[in-house]
Amino acid sequence: MKNIFPEPITKLPLADVPLKGVTAYLSQSVDHQTLYMQFDETVELPEHQHADQVGFVLEGKIEMTIDGIKNCFVKGDRYHIPAGVKHSATIYAGYADITVFMEPNRYKIKG
């Protein structure tokens, strides 16, 4: 997949996200992290929970089950996962988004 992000984003540090086939650029704040992510491979995320998460879909498709309700999000959609709500996902190859995690230490810079 061709990198869809412009130079100001690609100059950000890479995030150490433990998923196969993902490239993630990290913008760090005092109280949250913003990740600019794109996936070259399909990834299955098992059910888990954490602090609030908000995503803005730029390309492709993600299927998420949030609090037992299955949803499909595509380019132009946005989603919100409230803090502590269980969720799982299938992220398809070609997917790209901007995701805000309301956790300042969720991911480290790739080193």
C-alpha atoms as a PDB file:
ATOM      1  CA  MET A   1       0.000   0.000   0.000  1.00  0.00           C
ATOM      2  CA  LYS A   2       1.310   3.416  -0.920  1.00  0.00           C
ATOM      3  CA  ASN A   3       1.789   5.675   2.102  1.00  0.00           C
ATOM      4  CA  ILE A   4      -1.197   8.040   2.153  1.00  0.00           C
ATOM      5  CA  PHE A   5       0.183  10.427   4.751  1.00  0.00           C
ATOM      6  CA  PRO A   6       1.938  13.682   3.774  1.00  0.00           C
ATOM      7  CA  GLU A   7       5.437  14.625   4.903  1.00  0.00           C
ATOM      8  CA  PRO A   8       4.470  16.466   8.119  1.00  0.00           C
ATOM      9  CA  ILE A   9       2.971  13.174   9.354  1.00  0.00           C
ATOM     10  CA  THR A  10       5.731  10.889   8.049  1.00  0.00           C
ATOM     11  CA  LYS A  11       8.281  13.035   9.906  1.00  0.00           C
ATOM     12  CA  LEU A  12       6.627  12.064  13.198  1.00  0.00           C
ATOM     13  CA  PRO A  13       8.233   9.190  15.121  1.00  0.00           C
ATOM     14  CA  LEU A  14       7.020   5.677  14.385  1.00  0.00           C
ATOM     15  CA  ALA A  15       4.941   4.083  17.142  1.00  0.00           C
ATOM     16  CA  ASP A  16       5.819   0.608  18.401  1.00  0.00           C
ATOM     17  CA  VAL A  17       2.444  -1.011  17.692  1.00  0.00           C
ATOM     18  CA  PRO A  18       2.624  -4.804  18.114  1.00  0.00           C
ATOM     19  CA  LEU A  19       0.529  -5.650  15.060  1.00  0.00           C
ATOM     20  CA  LYS A  20       1.659  -7.283  11.831  1.00  0.00           C
ATOM     21  CA  GLY A  21       1.747  -5.065   8.730  1.00  0.00           C
ATOM     22  CA  VAL A  22       0.932  -1.736  10.390  1.00  0.00           C
ATOM     23  CA  THR A  23       2.771   1.564   9.995  1.00  0.00           C
ATOM     24  CA  ALA A  24       1.845   4.060  12.710  1.00  0.00           C
ATOM     25  CA  TYR A  25       3.100   7.606  13.196  1.00  0.00           C
ATOM     26  CA  LEU A  26       2.830   8.954  16.749  1.00  0.00           C
ATOM     27  CA  SER A  27       1.840  12.437  17.845  1.00  0.00           C
ATOM     28  CA  GLN A  28       2.335  12.674  21.618  1.00  0.00           C
ATOM     29  CA  SER A  29       0.363  14.935  23.969  1.00  0.00           C
ATOM     30  CA  VAL A  30       0.291  15.345  27.722  1.00  0.00           C
ATOM     31  CA  ASP A  31      -3.007  13.471  28.116  1.00  0.00           C
ATOM     32  CA  HIS A  32      -3.409  11.423  24.912  1.00  0.00           C
ATOM     33  CA  GLN A  33      -1.758   9.981  21.812  1.00  0.00           C
ATOM     34  CA  THR A  34      -2.809  10.419  18.192  1.00  0.00           C
ATOM     35  CA  LEU A  35      -1.765   7.694  15.753  1.00  0.00           C
ATOM     36  CA  TYR A  36      -1.829   7.950  11.970  1.00  0.00           C
ATOM     37  CA  MET A  37      -2.041   4.298  10.930  1.00  0.00           C
ATOM     38  CA  GLN A  38      -2.208   2.252   7.780  1.00  0.00           C
ATOM     39  CA  PHE A  39      -2.389  -1.502   7.410  1.00  0.00           C
ATOM     40  CA  ASP A  40      -0.750  -3.541   4.655  1.00  0.00           C
ATOM     41  CA  GLU A  41      -2.129  -6.806   6.055  1.00  0.00           C
ATOM     42  CA  THR A  42      -5.437  -7.912   7.537  1.00  0.00           C
ATOM     43  CA  VAL A  43      -5.300  -8.053  11.348  1.00  0.00           C
ATOM     44  CA  GLU A  44      -7.637  -9.681  13.875  1.00  0.00           C
ATOM     45  CA  LEU A  45      -7.811  -7.931  17.245  1.00  0.00           C
ATOM     46  CA  PRO A  46      -9.202 -10.074  20.081  1.00  0.00           C
ATOM     47  CA  GLU A  47     -11.642  -8.590  22.556  1.00  0.00           C
ATOM     48  CA  HIS A  48     -10.033  -6.099  24.920  1.00  0.00           C
ATOM     49  CA  GLN A  49     -10.715  -2.790  26.688  1.00  0.00           C
ATOM     50  CA  HIS A  50      -8.874   0.413  27.546  1.00  0.00           C
ATOM     51  CA  ALA A  51      -9.423   4.181  27.859  1.00  0.00           C
ATOM     52  CA  ASP A  52     -11.531   6.138  25.336  1.00  0.00           C
ATOM     53  CA  GLN A  53     -10.650   5.712  21.657  1.00  0.00           C
ATOM     54  CA  VAL A  54     -11.876   7.771  18.705  1.00  0.00           C
ATOM     55  CA  GLY A  55     -11.105   6.861  15.098  1.00  0.00           C
ATOM     56  CA  PHE A  56     -11.512   8.622  11.746  1.00  0.00           C
ATOM     57  CA  VAL A  57     -11.440   6.232   8.781  1.00  0.00           C
ATOM     58  CA  LEU A  58      -9.402   7.536   5.840  1.00  0.00           C
ATOM     59  CA  GLU A  59      -9.279   4.432   3.607  1.00  0.00           C
ATOM     60  CA  GLY A  60     -10.513   0.855   3.576  1.00  0.00           C
ATOM     61  CA  LYS A  61     -12.678  -1.047   6.026  1.00  0.00           C
ATOM     62  CA  ILE A  62     -12.707  -2.088   9.669  1.00  0.00           C
ATOM     63  CA  GLU A  63     -15.303  -4.358  11.279  1.00  0.00           C
ATOM     64  CA  MET A  64     -15.643  -3.769  15.000  1.00  0.00           C
ATOM     65  CA  THR A  65     -17.756  -5.327  17.701  1.00  0.00           C
ATOM     66  CA  ILE A  66     -18.232  -2.664  20.371  1.00  0.00           C
ATOM     67  CA  ASP A  67     -20.085  -3.678  23.536  1.00  0.00           C
ATOM     68  CA  GLY A  68     -21.554  -6.673  21.688  1.00  0.00           C
ATOM     69  CA  ILE A  69     -22.749  -4.679  18.652  1.00  0.00           C
ATOM     70  CA  LYS A  70     -21.082  -5.392  15.295  1.00  0.00           C
ATOM     71  CA  ASN A  71     -20.340  -2.395  13.053  1.00  0.00           C
ATOM     72  CA  CYS A  72     -18.581  -1.870   9.740  1.00  0.00           C
ATOM     73  CA  PHE A  73     -16.752   1.418   9.226  1.00  0.00           C
ATOM     74  CA  VAL A  74     -15.439   2.669   5.871  1.00  0.00           C
ATOM     75  CA  LYS A  75     -13.806   5.789   4.422  1.00  0.00           C
ATOM     76  CA  GLY A  76     -15.439   8.895   5.861  1.00  0.00           C
ATOM     77  CA  ASP A  77     -16.813   7.170   8.980  1.00  0.00           C
ATOM     78  CA  ARG A  78     -15.799   7.828  12.549  1.00  0.00           C
ATOM     79  CA  TYR A  79     -16.187   5.716  15.662  1.00  0.00           C
ATOM     80  CA  HIS A  80     -15.962   6.121  19.430  1.00  0.00           C
ATOM     81  CA  ILE A  81     -15.195   3.406  21.951  1.00  0.00           C
ATOM     82  CA  PRO A  82     -15.962   4.649  25.479  1.00  0.00           C
ATOM     83  CA  ALA A  83     -13.502   3.895  28.263  1.00  0.00           C
ATOM     84  CA  GLY A  84     -13.733   0.370  29.624  1.00  0.00           C
ATOM     85  CA  VAL A  85     -16.038  -0.949  26.882  1.00  0.00           C
ATOM     86  CA  LYS A  86     -15.034  -4.348  25.500  1.00  0.00           C
ATOM     87  CA  HIS A  87     -14.384  -4.438  21.756  1.00  0.00           C
ATOM     88  CA  SER A  88     -12.730  -6.509  19.033  1.00  0.00           C
ATOM     89  CA  ALA A  89     -11.994  -5.875  15.372  1.00  0.00           C
ATOM     90  CA  THR A  90     -10.986  -7.138  11.981  1.00  0.00           C
ATOM     91  CA  ILE A  91      -8.852  -4.520  10.248  1.00  0.00           C
ATOM     92  CA  TYR A  92      -8.570  -5.226   6.528  1.00  0.00           C
ATOM     93  CA  ALA A  93      -5.466  -4.717   4.405  1.00  0.00           C
ATOM     94  CA  GLY A  94      -5.615  -1.255   2.850  1.00  0.00           C
ATOM     95  CA  TYR A  95      -7.178   0.331   5.933  1.00  0.00           C
ATOM     96  CA  ALA A  96      -5.908   3.724   7.152  1.00  0.00           C
ATOM     97  CA  ASP A  97      -7.124   5.986   9.930  1.00  0.00           C
ATOM     98  CA  ILE A  98      -6.362   8.629  12.501  1.00  0.00           C
ATOM     99  CA  THR A  99      -6.936   7.255  15.998  1.00  0.00           C
ATOM    100  CA  VAL A 100      -6.911   9.165  19.265  1.00  0.00           C
ATOM    101  CA  PHE A 101      -6.237   7.135  22.413  1.00  0.00           C
ATOM    102  CA  MET A 102      -7.001   8.984  25.650  1.00  0.00           C
ATOM    103  CA  GLU A 103      -3.912   7.376  27.187  1.00  0.00           C
ATOM    104  CA  PRO A 104      -0.664   9.333  27.110  1.00  0.00           C
ATOM    105  CA  ASN A 105       1.498   6.206  27.485  1.00  0.00           C
ATOM    106  CA  ARG A 106      -0.309   3.640  25.346  1.00  0.00           C
ATOM    107  CA  TYR A 107       2.504   3.291  22.766  1.00  0.00           C
ATOM    108  CA  LYS A 108       6.213   3.968  22.860  1.00  0.00           C
ATOM    109  CA  ILE A 109       8.334   5.344  20.048  1.00  0.00           C
ATOM    110  CA  LYS A 110       9.737   2.526  17.908  1.00  0.00           C
ATOM    111  CA  GLY A 111      13.407   2.167  18.638  1.00  0.00           C
END
